[in-house]
């Protein structure tokens, strides 16, 4: 199964249509280094794209209000009569907390839970 392309990322996550092609290619390459094709099997491309979108979201929005921004660990914001609260998803590590900070990272975590990565015992 080939590494997804920038066109694949933009098709799955159209909010990145205007993203710089070279930057998208770089984050896909970085994400592909972290997602093992053999272990992820049929979820490989979805995992790479979700992780790449998470990385791209963090790089391009830094404090913005993009689609991935609404799921951070904020528990309450109030401006006049308007109040917004977000539930922080449960996480097991700092890495998971960072991933859980965007909708794309949460998708990646969900996919990662669907695969069973075998544990090898070295004797």
C-alpha atoms as a PDB file:
ATOM      1  CA  UNK A   1       0.000   0.000   0.000  1.00  0.00           C
ATOM      2  CA  UNK A   2       1.591   3.311  -1.056  1.00  0.00           C
ATOM      3  CA  UNK A   3       2.147   6.298   1.214  1.00  0.00           C
ATOM      4  CA  UNK A   4      -0.784   8.693   0.825  1.00  0.00           C
ATOM      5  CA  UNK A   5      -0.272  11.856  -1.217  1.00  0.00           C
ATOM      6  CA  UNK A   6      -1.087  15.472  -0.556  1.00  0.00           C
ATOM      7  CA  UNK A   7      -4.107  15.046  -2.867  1.00  0.00           C
ATOM      8  CA  UNK A   8      -5.294  12.190  -0.614  1.00  0.00           C
ATOM      9  CA  UNK A   9      -4.984  14.395   2.478  1.00  0.00           C
ATOM     10  CA  UNK A  10      -6.849  17.258   0.825  1.00  0.00           C
ATOM     11  CA  UNK A  11      -9.596  14.904  -0.361  1.00  0.00           C
ATOM     12  CA  UNK A  12     -10.079  13.419   3.112  1.00  0.00           C
ATOM     13  CA  UNK A  13      -9.716  16.748   4.938  1.00  0.00           C
ATOM     14  CA  UNK A  14     -10.895  19.491   2.540  1.00  0.00           C
ATOM     15  CA  UNK A  15     -10.175  22.190   5.122  1.00  0.00           C
ATOM     16  CA  UNK A  16      -6.519  21.863   4.007  1.00  0.00           C
ATOM     17  CA  UNK A  17      -7.243  22.645   0.329  1.00  0.00           C
ATOM     18  CA  UNK A  18      -5.287  25.898   0.554  1.00  0.00           C
ATOM     19  CA  UNK A  19      -2.339  24.385   2.457  1.00  0.00           C
ATOM     20  CA  UNK A  20       1.100  24.644   0.863  1.00  0.00           C
ATOM     21  CA  UNK A  21       1.858  21.513  -1.211  1.00  0.00           C
ATOM     22  CA  UNK A  22       5.442  21.173   0.004  1.00  0.00           C
ATOM     23  CA  UNK A  23       4.416  21.513   3.645  1.00  0.00           C
ATOM     24  CA  UNK A  24       1.672  18.904   3.206  1.00  0.00           C
ATOM     25  CA  UNK A  25       4.159  16.545   1.563  1.00  0.00           C
ATOM     26  CA  UNK A  26       6.600  17.004   4.435  1.00  0.00           C
ATOM     27  CA  UNK A  27       4.063  16.271   7.169  1.00  0.00           C
ATOM     28  CA  UNK A  28       2.841  13.196   5.277  1.00  0.00           C
ATOM     29  CA  UNK A  29       6.452  11.964   5.066  1.00  0.00           C
ATOM     30  CA  UNK A  30       6.921  12.600   8.795  1.00  0.00           C
ATOM     31  CA  UNK A  31       3.665  10.844   9.661  1.00  0.00           C
ATOM     32  CA  UNK A  32       4.559   7.850   7.480  1.00  0.00           C
ATOM     33  CA  UNK A  33       7.720   7.382   9.572  1.00  0.00           C
ATOM     34  CA  UNK A  34       5.559   6.920  12.678  1.00  0.00           C
ATOM     35  CA  UNK A  35       2.922   4.578  11.233  1.00  0.00           C
ATOM     36  CA  UNK A  36       4.161   1.066  10.510  1.00  0.00           C
ATOM     37  CA  UNK A  37       2.500  -0.247   7.362  1.00  0.00           C
ATOM     38  CA  UNK A  38       2.703  -3.900   8.419  1.00  0.00           C
ATOM     39  CA  UNK A  39       1.219  -3.314  11.868  1.00  0.00           C
ATOM     40  CA  UNK A  40      -1.492  -0.920  10.680  1.00  0.00           C
ATOM     41  CA  UNK A  41      -2.561  -3.021   7.675  1.00  0.00           C
ATOM     42  CA  UNK A  42      -5.798  -1.751   6.149  1.00  0.00           C
ATOM     43  CA  UNK A  43      -5.765   1.276   8.472  1.00  0.00           C
ATOM     44  CA  UNK A  44      -2.320   2.447   7.258  1.00  0.00           C
ATOM     45  CA  UNK A  45      -3.401   5.219   4.903  1.00  0.00           C
ATOM     46  CA  UNK A  46      -6.107   6.491   7.263  1.00  0.00           C
ATOM     47  CA  UNK A  47      -3.579   6.551  10.118  1.00  0.00           C
ATOM     48  CA  UNK A  48      -0.951   8.416   8.114  1.00  0.00           C
ATOM     49  CA  UNK A  49      -3.508  10.958   6.915  1.00  0.00           C
ATOM     50  CA  UNK A  50      -4.961  11.543  10.384  1.00  0.00           C
ATOM     51  CA  UNK A  51      -1.504  11.982  11.927  1.00  0.00           C
ATOM     52  CA  UNK A  52      -0.383  14.242   9.058  1.00  0.00           C
ATOM     53  CA  UNK A  53      -3.530  16.369   9.405  1.00  0.00           C
ATOM     54  CA  UNK A  54      -2.858  16.656  13.145  1.00  0.00           C
ATOM     55  CA  UNK A  55       0.716  17.780  12.488  1.00  0.00           C
ATOM     56  CA  UNK A  56      -0.386  20.189   9.777  1.00  0.00           C
ATOM     57  CA  UNK A  57      -3.118  21.609  11.970  1.00  0.00           C
ATOM     58  CA  UNK A  58      -0.681  22.314  14.772  1.00  0.00           C
ATOM     59  CA  UNK A  59       1.914  23.825  12.422  1.00  0.00           C
ATOM     60  CA  UNK A  60      -0.480  26.061  10.518  1.00  0.00           C
ATOM     61  CA  UNK A  61      -2.912  27.186  13.144  1.00  0.00           C
ATOM     62  CA  UNK A  62      -0.921  27.790  16.346  1.00  0.00           C
ATOM     63  CA  UNK A  63      -3.711  29.335  18.366  1.00  0.00           C
ATOM     64  CA  UNK A  64      -6.115  29.623  15.432  1.00  0.00           C
ATOM     65  CA  UNK A  65      -9.713  28.578  15.130  1.00  0.00           C
ATOM     66  CA  UNK A  66      -9.519  25.887  12.427  1.00  0.00           C
ATOM     67  CA  UNK A  67     -11.504  22.668  12.386  1.00  0.00           C
ATOM     68  CA  UNK A  68      -8.999  20.946  14.657  1.00  0.00           C
ATOM     69  CA  UNK A  69      -9.000  23.748  17.219  1.00  0.00           C
ATOM     70  CA  UNK A  70     -12.280  22.982  18.954  1.00  0.00           C
ATOM     71  CA  UNK A  71     -11.221  19.855  20.802  1.00  0.00           C
ATOM     72  CA  UNK A  72      -8.404  21.026  23.049  1.00  0.00           C
ATOM     73  CA  UNK A  73      -8.178  20.552  26.805  1.00  0.00           C
ATOM     74  CA  UNK A  74     -10.026  23.831  27.532  1.00  0.00           C
ATOM     75  CA  UNK A  75     -12.733  23.150  30.089  1.00  0.00           C
ATOM     76  CA  UNK A  76     -14.482  26.522  29.980  1.00  0.00           C
ATOM     77  CA  UNK A  77     -14.493  29.890  28.172  1.00  0.00           C
ATOM     78  CA  UNK A  78     -16.909  32.711  28.800  1.00  0.00           C
ATOM     79  CA  UNK A  79     -17.517  35.984  26.979  1.00  0.00           C
ATOM     80  CA  UNK A  80     -20.577  37.806  28.229  1.00  0.00           C
ATOM     81  CA  UNK A  81     -23.515  35.431  28.077  1.00  0.00           C
ATOM     82  CA  UNK A  82     -21.736  32.935  25.824  1.00  0.00           C
ATOM     83  CA  UNK A  83     -19.918  30.061  27.480  1.00  0.00           C
ATOM     84  CA  UNK A  84     -18.087  27.149  25.813  1.00  0.00           C
ATOM     85  CA  UNK A  85     -16.734  24.069  27.577  1.00  0.00           C
ATOM     86  CA  UNK A  86     -14.779  21.167  26.118  1.00  0.00           C
ATOM     87  CA  UNK A  87     -14.351  17.806  27.754  1.00  0.00           C
ATOM     88  CA  UNK A  88     -10.750  16.687  27.803  1.00  0.00           C
ATOM     89  CA  UNK A  89     -10.577  13.119  26.472  1.00  0.00           C
ATOM     90  CA  UNK A  90      -8.872  10.604  28.742  1.00  0.00           C
ATOM     91  CA  UNK A  91      -5.214  10.131  27.904  1.00  0.00           C
ATOM     92  CA  UNK A  92      -2.521   7.754  29.092  1.00  0.00           C
ATOM     93  CA  UNK A  93       0.544   9.849  28.340  1.00  0.00           C
ATOM     94  CA  UNK A  94       1.776  13.280  27.327  1.00  0.00           C
ATOM     95  CA  UNK A  95       2.015  12.051  23.720  1.00  0.00           C
ATOM     96  CA  UNK A  96      -1.652  11.102  23.781  1.00  0.00           C
ATOM     97  CA  UNK A  97      -2.548  14.459  25.331  1.00  0.00           C
ATOM     98  CA  UNK A  98      -0.877  16.263  22.426  1.00  0.00           C
ATOM     99  CA  UNK A  99      -2.658  14.033  19.907  1.00  0.00           C
ATOM    100  CA  UNK A 100      -5.977  14.534  21.684  1.00  0.00           C
ATOM    101  CA  UNK A 101      -5.628  18.306  21.251  1.00  0.00           C
ATOM    102  CA  UNK A 102      -6.982  18.150  17.669  1.00  0.00           C
ATOM    103  CA  UNK A 103      -9.844  16.296  16.025  1.00  0.00           C
ATOM    104  CA  UNK A 104      -7.302  14.720  13.649  1.00  0.00           C
ATOM    105  CA  UNK A 105      -5.128  13.470  16.499  1.00  0.00           C
ATOM    106  CA  UNK A 106      -8.207  12.006  18.154  1.00  0.00           C
ATOM    107  CA  UNK A 107      -8.985  10.156  14.913  1.00  0.00           C
ATOM    108  CA  UNK A 108      -5.405   8.837  14.864  1.00  0.00           C
ATOM    109  CA  UNK A 109      -5.737   7.645  18.478  1.00  0.00           C
ATOM    110  CA  UNK A 110      -9.026   5.913  17.619  1.00  0.00           C
ATOM    111  CA  UNK A 111      -7.441   4.123  14.660  1.00  0.00           C
ATOM    112  CA  UNK A 112      -4.424   3.159  16.760  1.00  0.00           C
ATOM    113  CA  UNK A 113      -6.731   1.506  19.277  1.00  0.00           C
ATOM    114  CA  UNK A 114      -8.286  -0.551  16.481  1.00  0.00           C
ATOM    115  CA  UNK A 115      -5.024  -2.223  15.548  1.00  0.00           C
ATOM    116  CA  UNK A 116      -3.226  -4.790  17.635  1.00  0.00           C
ATOM    117  CA  UNK A 117       0.507  -4.176  17.652  1.00  0.00           C
ATOM    118  CA  UNK A 118       2.176  -7.449  18.606  1.00  0.00           C
ATOM    119  CA  UNK A 119       4.570  -7.434  21.531  1.00  0.00           C
ATOM    120  CA  UNK A 120       7.809  -9.286  20.899  1.00  0.00           C
ATOM    121  CA  UNK A 121       9.667 -11.026  23.670  1.00  0.00           C
ATOM    122  CA  UNK A 122      13.417 -11.336  23.180  1.00  0.00           C
ATOM    123  CA  UNK A 123      14.837 -14.347  24.984  1.00  0.00           C
END
